[in-house]
């Protein structure tokens, strides 16, 4: 699994980056992954397919009610309603929209 945090704030940021067409720096990310997490000291080649598959695997492993509860405390009540759509399917659709 990708060593993406399980905090709602991380997924809030992820959603913002995708919405604003921010592309990940694959070379920097690959070098970081080789230094820590489950791919530490492994010879991996990070490309868009690897990244998207790892994100989907992570998305499927999360408890989205916990994720929403984590970020809800940072939002005004009217904005917190937007969290109702947060789910594995919602974030998988975000992964598909990523520009890489």
N, C-alpha and C. Protein backbone atom coordinates (compact mmCIF):
# COMPACT_ATOMS: atom_id res chain seq x y z
N UNK A 1 0.82 -1.19 0.00
CA UNK A 1 0.00 0.00 0.00
C UNK A 1 0.87 1.25 0.00
N UNK A 2 0.35 2.27 -0.59
CA UNK A 2 1.02 3.56 -0.59
C UNK A 2 1.00 4.11 0.81
N UNK A 3 2.07 4.74 1.22
CA UNK A 3 2.16 5.25 2.58
C UNK A 3 1.51 6.62 2.69
N UNK A 4 0.29 6.72 2.18
CA UNK A 4 -0.49 7.94 2.31
C UNK A 4 -1.16 7.88 3.67
N UNK A 5 -1.21 9.00 4.34
CA UNK A 5 -1.81 9.03 5.66
C UNK A 5 -3.26 8.61 5.68
N UNK A 6 -3.70 8.24 6.82
CA UNK A 6 -5.09 7.86 7.01
C UNK A 6 -5.86 8.97 7.70
N UNK A 7 -5.36 10.16 7.61
CA UNK A 7 -6.02 11.31 8.19
C UNK A 7 -6.93 11.95 7.15
N UNK A 8 -8.06 12.42 7.63
CA UNK A 8 -8.98 13.10 6.72
C UNK A 8 -8.35 14.30 6.06
N UNK A 9 -7.48 14.98 6.78
CA UNK A 9 -6.82 16.16 6.22
C UNK A 9 -5.99 15.81 4.98
N UNK A 10 -5.36 14.64 5.00
CA UNK A 10 -4.58 14.21 3.84
C UNK A 10 -5.48 14.02 2.62
N UNK A 11 -6.64 13.43 2.85
CA UNK A 11 -7.56 13.19 1.74
C UNK A 11 -8.26 14.47 1.29
N UNK A 12 -8.46 15.39 2.21
CA UNK A 12 -8.99 16.71 1.85
C UNK A 12 -7.99 17.39 0.91
N UNK A 13 -6.71 17.34 1.28
CA UNK A 13 -5.66 17.92 0.43
C UNK A 13 -5.59 17.21 -0.91
N UNK A 14 -5.64 15.89 -0.89
CA UNK A 14 -5.60 15.12 -2.14
C UNK A 14 -6.72 15.57 -3.08
N UNK A 15 -7.92 15.70 -2.53
CA UNK A 15 -9.05 16.14 -3.34
C UNK A 15 -8.81 17.52 -3.93
N UNK A 16 -8.24 18.42 -3.11
CA UNK A 16 -7.95 19.77 -3.58
C UNK A 16 -6.92 19.74 -4.72
N UNK A 17 -5.86 18.95 -4.54
CA UNK A 17 -4.82 18.86 -5.58
C UNK A 17 -5.39 18.35 -6.90
N UNK A 18 -6.22 17.33 -6.84
CA UNK A 18 -6.82 16.79 -8.07
C UNK A 18 -7.74 17.82 -8.71
N UNK A 19 -8.56 18.46 -7.89
CA UNK A 19 -9.49 19.49 -8.40
C UNK A 19 -8.74 20.61 -9.10
N UNK A 20 -7.56 20.94 -8.60
CA UNK A 20 -6.78 22.04 -9.16
C UNK A 20 -5.70 21.59 -10.14
N UNK A 21 -5.83 20.36 -10.62
CA UNK A 21 -4.95 19.80 -11.65
C UNK A 21 -3.47 19.85 -11.29
N UNK A 22 -3.17 19.64 -10.03
CA UNK A 22 -1.77 19.59 -9.58
C UNK A 22 -1.24 18.19 -9.85
N UNK A 23 -0.13 18.12 -10.51
CA UNK A 23 0.47 16.82 -10.84
C UNK A 23 1.54 16.46 -9.83
N UNK A 24 1.57 15.19 -9.42
CA UNK A 24 2.63 14.78 -8.49
C UNK A 24 3.98 14.73 -9.20
N UNK A 25 5.02 15.01 -8.46
CA UNK A 25 6.38 14.88 -8.97
C UNK A 25 6.78 13.42 -8.76
N UNK A 26 6.64 12.62 -9.79
CA UNK A 26 6.87 11.17 -9.66
C UNK A 26 8.29 10.83 -9.26
N UNK A 27 9.25 11.56 -9.76
CA UNK A 27 10.65 11.28 -9.42
C UNK A 27 10.90 11.54 -7.93
N UNK A 28 10.42 12.66 -7.43
CA UNK A 28 10.58 12.99 -6.02
C UNK A 28 9.83 11.97 -5.15
N UNK A 29 8.62 11.64 -5.55
CA UNK A 29 7.83 10.66 -4.80
C UNK A 29 8.51 9.30 -4.78
N UNK A 30 9.02 8.87 -5.91
CA UNK A 30 9.73 7.58 -5.98
C UNK A 30 10.93 7.58 -5.04
N UNK A 31 11.71 8.64 -5.06
CA UNK A 31 12.87 8.71 -4.17
C UNK A 31 12.45 8.69 -2.70
N UNK A 32 11.36 9.37 -2.38
CA UNK A 32 10.86 9.37 -1.00
C UNK A 32 10.39 7.98 -0.59
N UNK A 33 9.67 7.30 -1.48
CA UNK A 33 9.16 5.97 -1.15
C UNK A 33 10.29 4.96 -0.94
N UNK A 34 11.38 5.16 -1.62
CA UNK A 34 12.53 4.27 -1.46
C UNK A 34 13.24 4.49 -0.12
N UNK A 35 12.93 5.62 0.53
CA UNK A 35 13.59 5.94 1.80
C UNK A 35 12.77 5.56 3.02
N UNK A 36 11.45 5.40 2.86
CA UNK A 36 10.62 5.07 4.02
C UNK A 36 9.38 4.32 3.57
N UNK A 37 8.70 3.75 4.53
CA UNK A 37 7.46 3.05 4.23
C UNK A 37 7.68 1.66 3.67
N UNK A 38 6.63 1.08 3.11
CA UNK A 38 6.69 -0.31 2.67
C UNK A 38 7.65 -0.58 1.51
N UNK A 39 8.09 0.46 0.81
CA UNK A 39 9.01 0.26 -0.31
C UNK A 39 10.44 0.68 0.03
N UNK A 40 10.71 0.90 1.30
CA UNK A 40 12.05 1.32 1.72
C UNK A 40 13.10 0.33 1.20
N UNK A 41 14.13 0.89 0.58
CA UNK A 41 15.28 0.13 0.07
C UNK A 41 14.90 -0.90 -1.00
N UNK A 42 13.76 -0.72 -1.62
CA UNK A 42 13.36 -1.62 -2.71
C UNK A 42 13.54 -0.91 -4.03
N UNK A 43 13.81 -1.68 -5.06
CA UNK A 43 13.99 -1.12 -6.39
C UNK A 43 12.63 -1.04 -7.07
N UNK A 44 11.97 0.10 -6.89
CA UNK A 44 10.67 0.30 -7.52
C UNK A 44 10.81 1.34 -8.61
N UNK A 45 9.91 1.27 -9.57
CA UNK A 45 9.82 2.31 -10.59
C UNK A 45 8.41 2.86 -10.51
N UNK A 46 8.30 4.08 -10.03
CA UNK A 46 7.00 4.70 -9.85
C UNK A 46 6.59 5.41 -11.13
N UNK A 47 5.50 4.93 -11.69
CA UNK A 47 4.91 5.61 -12.84
C UNK A 47 3.44 5.84 -12.53
N UNK A 48 2.71 6.41 -13.47
CA UNK A 48 1.31 6.76 -13.19
C UNK A 48 0.48 5.53 -12.86
N UNK A 49 0.72 4.41 -13.51
CA UNK A 49 -0.05 3.19 -13.24
C UNK A 49 0.23 2.68 -11.82
N UNK A 50 1.51 2.65 -11.44
CA UNK A 50 1.89 2.23 -10.09
C UNK A 50 1.21 3.11 -9.05
N UNK A 51 1.28 4.42 -9.24
CA UNK A 51 0.71 5.36 -8.29
C UNK A 51 -0.80 5.19 -8.18
N UNK A 52 -1.48 5.13 -9.30
CA UNK A 52 -2.94 5.00 -9.27
C UNK A 52 -3.37 3.68 -8.62
N UNK A 53 -2.68 2.60 -8.94
CA UNK A 53 -3.02 1.30 -8.33
C UNK A 53 -2.78 1.33 -6.82
N UNK A 54 -1.69 1.92 -6.38
CA UNK A 54 -1.39 2.01 -4.95
C UNK A 54 -2.43 2.87 -4.23
N UNK A 55 -2.83 3.96 -4.85
CA UNK A 55 -3.85 4.82 -4.24
C UNK A 55 -5.19 4.08 -4.12
N UNK A 56 -5.58 3.38 -5.16
CA UNK A 56 -6.85 2.64 -5.12
C UNK A 56 -6.80 1.55 -4.05
N UNK A 57 -5.67 0.88 -3.93
CA UNK A 57 -5.52 -0.15 -2.88
C UNK A 57 -5.68 0.49 -1.50
N UNK A 58 -5.06 1.64 -1.31
CA UNK A 58 -5.17 2.34 -0.03
C UNK A 58 -6.60 2.80 0.22
N UNK A 59 -7.23 3.37 -0.78
CA UNK A 59 -8.60 3.85 -0.66
C UNK A 59 -9.54 2.73 -0.23
N UNK A 60 -9.35 1.55 -0.81
CA UNK A 60 -10.20 0.41 -0.46
C UNK A 60 -9.97 -0.10 0.96
N UNK A 61 -8.85 0.25 1.55
CA UNK A 61 -8.53 -0.26 2.89
C UNK A 61 -9.01 0.65 4.03
N UNK A 62 -9.52 1.83 3.70
CA UNK A 62 -9.83 2.82 4.73
C UNK A 62 -11.28 2.76 5.21
N UNK A 63 -11.47 3.20 6.45
CA UNK A 63 -12.80 3.36 7.01
C UNK A 63 -13.20 4.81 6.76
N UNK A 64 -14.06 5.02 5.80
CA UNK A 64 -14.37 6.38 5.36
C UNK A 64 -15.17 7.17 6.38
N UNK A 65 -15.87 6.49 7.27
CA UNK A 65 -16.56 7.22 8.35
C UNK A 65 -15.53 7.83 9.30
N UNK A 66 -14.47 7.10 9.61
CA UNK A 66 -13.39 7.64 10.45
C UNK A 66 -12.68 8.79 9.76
N UNK A 67 -12.45 8.64 8.48
CA UNK A 67 -11.76 9.68 7.70
C UNK A 67 -12.59 10.96 7.72
N UNK A 68 -13.89 10.84 7.48
CA UNK A 68 -14.77 12.01 7.48
C UNK A 68 -14.82 12.66 8.86
N UNK A 69 -14.88 11.85 9.90
CA UNK A 69 -14.92 12.40 11.26
C UNK A 69 -13.65 13.17 11.57
N UNK A 70 -12.53 12.70 11.07
CA UNK A 70 -11.26 13.36 11.32
C UNK A 70 -11.22 14.77 10.73
N UNK A 71 -11.77 14.94 9.55
CA UNK A 71 -11.69 16.26 8.89
C UNK A 71 -12.88 17.16 9.25
N UNK A 72 -13.99 16.57 9.63
CA UNK A 72 -15.21 17.34 9.91
C UNK A 72 -14.97 18.44 10.96
N UNK A 73 -14.13 18.17 11.95
CA UNK A 73 -13.90 19.15 13.03
C UNK A 73 -13.19 20.42 12.54
N UNK A 74 -12.58 20.36 11.36
CA UNK A 74 -11.87 21.52 10.82
C UNK A 74 -12.74 22.38 9.91
N UNK A 75 -13.96 21.93 9.64
CA UNK A 75 -14.81 22.62 8.68
C UNK A 75 -16.01 23.27 9.37
N UNK A 76 -16.45 24.38 8.80
CA UNK A 76 -17.68 25.01 9.25
C UNK A 76 -18.83 24.05 8.90
N UNK A 77 -19.92 24.08 9.66
CA UNK A 77 -21.02 23.13 9.42
C UNK A 77 -21.52 23.10 7.98
N UNK A 78 -21.62 24.26 7.33
CA UNK A 78 -22.11 24.26 5.95
C UNK A 78 -21.14 23.56 5.00
N UNK A 79 -19.85 23.69 5.25
CA UNK A 79 -18.83 23.00 4.43
C UNK A 79 -18.74 21.52 4.77
N UNK A 80 -18.99 21.18 6.03
CA UNK A 80 -18.89 19.79 6.48
C UNK A 80 -19.89 18.89 5.76
N UNK A 81 -20.99 19.46 5.29
CA UNK A 81 -21.98 18.67 4.55
C UNK A 81 -21.38 18.06 3.29
N UNK A 82 -20.36 18.71 2.74
CA UNK A 82 -19.72 18.19 1.52
C UNK A 82 -19.05 16.84 1.77
N UNK A 83 -18.77 16.52 3.02
CA UNK A 83 -18.13 15.25 3.35
C UNK A 83 -19.08 14.07 3.16
N UNK A 84 -20.35 14.32 3.05
CA UNK A 84 -21.32 13.24 2.87
C UNK A 84 -21.03 12.38 1.64
N UNK A 85 -20.40 12.98 0.63
CA UNK A 85 -20.10 12.22 -0.59
C UNK A 85 -18.78 11.44 -0.51
N UNK A 86 -18.00 11.68 0.53
CA UNK A 86 -16.72 10.99 0.66
C UNK A 86 -16.94 9.50 0.86
N UNK A 87 -16.32 8.72 0.00
CA UNK A 87 -16.40 7.26 0.05
C UNK A 87 -15.26 6.72 -0.78
N UNK A 88 -15.10 5.42 -0.76
CA UNK A 88 -14.07 4.80 -1.60
C UNK A 88 -14.34 5.12 -3.07
N UNK A 89 -15.57 5.04 -3.48
CA UNK A 89 -15.90 5.30 -4.90
C UNK A 89 -15.61 6.75 -5.28
N UNK A 90 -15.91 7.67 -4.38
CA UNK A 90 -15.63 9.09 -4.65
C UNK A 90 -14.13 9.31 -4.87
N UNK A 91 -13.31 8.75 -4.00
CA UNK A 91 -11.88 8.97 -4.13
C UNK A 91 -11.27 8.17 -5.28
N UNK A 92 -11.85 7.05 -5.62
CA UNK A 92 -11.39 6.33 -6.82
C UNK A 92 -11.66 7.18 -8.06
N UNK A 93 -12.78 7.88 -8.08
CA UNK A 93 -13.06 8.77 -9.22
C UNK A 93 -12.05 9.90 -9.27
N UNK A 94 -11.59 10.36 -8.09
CA UNK A 94 -10.56 11.40 -8.05
C UNK A 94 -9.23 10.86 -8.62
N UNK A 95 -8.90 9.63 -8.28
CA UNK A 95 -7.68 9.01 -8.81
C UNK A 95 -7.74 8.98 -10.34
N UNK A 96 -8.87 8.63 -10.89
CA UNK A 96 -9.02 8.57 -12.35
C UNK A 96 -8.85 9.95 -12.99
N UNK A 97 -9.16 11.01 -12.25
CA UNK A 97 -9.07 12.37 -12.78
C UNK A 97 -7.68 12.99 -12.60
N UNK A 98 -6.79 12.29 -11.89
CA UNK A 98 -5.46 12.84 -11.64
C UNK A 98 -4.73 13.13 -12.95
N UNK A 99 -4.04 14.26 -12.97
CA UNK A 99 -3.16 14.56 -14.10
C UNK A 99 -1.74 14.18 -13.69
N UNK A 100 -1.17 13.30 -14.45
CA UNK A 100 0.19 12.83 -14.14
C UNK A 100 1.05 12.99 -15.38
